[in-house]
Protein backbone atom coordinates (compact mmCIF):
# COMPACT_ATOMS: atom_id res chain seq x y z
CA MET A 1 0.18 -0.12 -0.12
CA ALA A 2 2.76 2.73 0.93
CA GLU A 3 4.50 1.67 -2.63
CA PHE A 4 0.63 2.54 -4.21
CA ASN A 5 0.72 5.85 -2.42
CA SER A 6 4.48 6.30 -3.19
CA LEU A 7 3.58 6.03 -7.19
CA ASN A 8 0.60 7.45 -6.76
CA LYS A 9 2.05 10.42 -5.61
CA GLU A 10 4.93 10.48 -7.82
CA GLU A 11 2.29 10.49 -10.85
CA SER A 12 0.29 12.96 -9.64
CA GLN A 13 3.61 15.21 -8.72
CA LYS A 14 4.56 14.85 -12.44
CA ARG A 15 0.81 15.44 -13.99
CA GLU A 16 0.95 19.24 -11.87
CA ARG A 17 4.26 20.08 -12.97
CA HIS A 18 3.29 19.28 -16.72
CA ARG A 19 0.51 21.63 -15.83
CA GLU A 20 2.42 24.43 -15.04
CA GLU A 21 5.11 23.85 -18.16
CA LYS A 22 1.63 23.68 -20.33
CA LEU A 23 0.70 27.11 -18.02
CA ARG A 24 3.73 28.55 -18.56
CA VAL A 25 3.87 27.76 -22.60
CA LEU A 26 0.30 28.79 -22.67
CA GLN A 27 0.97 32.42 -20.66
CA GLU A 28 4.22 32.70 -22.41
CA GLU A 29 3.25 32.66 -26.24
CA LYS A 30 -0.05 34.63 -25.08
CA GLU A 31 3.16 37.60 -24.05
CA ALA A 32 4.35 36.99 -27.52
CA ARG A 33 1.33 37.45 -29.27
CA VAL A 34 -0.11 40.86 -27.75
CA ALA A 35 3.34 42.48 -28.02
CA LEU A 36 3.05 41.26 -31.85
CA MET A 37 -0.46 43.29 -31.34
CA ARG A 38 0.64 46.11 -29.71
CA ARG A 39 4.02 46.34 -32.63
CA GLN A 40 1.67 45.97 -35.58
CA GLN A 41 -0.38 48.82 -33.85
CA GLN A 42 2.14 51.00 -33.05
CA ALA A 43 3.19 51.19 -37.34
CA LEU A 44 -0.10 51.69 -38.35
CA ASP A 45 -0.41 54.65 -35.90
CA GLU A 46 2.43 55.69 -37.55
CA GLN A 47 1.49 55.00 -41.12
CA GLN A 48 -1.58 56.95 -39.98
CA LYS A 49 0.47 59.41 -38.29
CA ALA A 50 2.14 59.86 -41.98
CA VAL A 51 -1.47 59.83 -43.66
CA ASP A 52 -2.33 62.68 -40.79
CA LEU A 53 0.48 65.13 -41.67
CA GLU A 54 0.31 64.89 -45.21
CA PHE A 55 -3.17 65.80 -45.47
CA MET A 56 -2.23 69.03 -42.58
CA MET A 57 0.52 70.10 -44.76
CA LYS A 58 -1.56 70.39 -47.71
CA TYR A 59 -2.37 73.66 -49.07
CA HIS A 60 -5.90 74.34 -48.26
CA THR A 61 -6.99 78.44 -48.80
CA ILE A 62 -7.51 77.45 -52.55
CA TYR A 63 -10.97 75.61 -51.83
CA GLN A 64 -14.34 78.03 -50.61
CA GLU A 65 -17.05 77.72 -48.10
CA PRO A 66 -18.60 74.80 -46.72
CA MET A 67 -15.71 72.54 -48.02
CA LEU A 68 -13.13 74.88 -46.37
CA GLN A 69 -14.77 74.44 -42.78
CA LEU A 70 -14.71 71.27 -43.60
CA ILE A 71 -11.52 70.95 -44.13
CA LEU A 72 -10.00 73.44 -40.91
CA ASP A 73 -12.17 71.06 -39.03
CA ARG A 74 -10.71 67.36 -40.24
CA LYS A 75 -7.12 69.34 -39.55
CA ARG A 76 -8.29 70.18 -35.67
CA GLU A 77 -9.63 67.00 -34.94
CA ILE A 78 -6.23 65.63 -36.45
CA ALA A 79 -4.13 68.51 -34.69
CA ALA A 80 -6.43 67.37 -31.41
CA ARG A 81 -5.19 63.38 -31.88
CA TRP A 82 -2.08 63.48 -32.08
CA GLY A 83 -1.21 66.91 -29.96
CA TRP A 84 -0.57 69.22 -32.92
CA HIS A 85 -0.35 72.60 -32.51
CA PHE A 86 -3.37 74.09 -35.07
CA PRO A 87 -3.14 78.09 -35.36
CA PHE A 88 -6.53 78.37 -37.13
């Protein structure tokens, strides 16, 4: 009986170590996916920032109302999003 208990205890410890290892691997995979998603989001943000900057740099005084007002409003939104100063 003592031998059976010893084997059962060893098997239980082995299962517990296996479970802990599996959880550790799953956690590492999750952290890697999260890090990848963050890098992808940063890349998308940088792309959007470049597009927004290009829009901000466009000459807008050739437009008439109401289009001019829409353009200026959009430029204000962009400036607010990125913390840029927009004088109009």
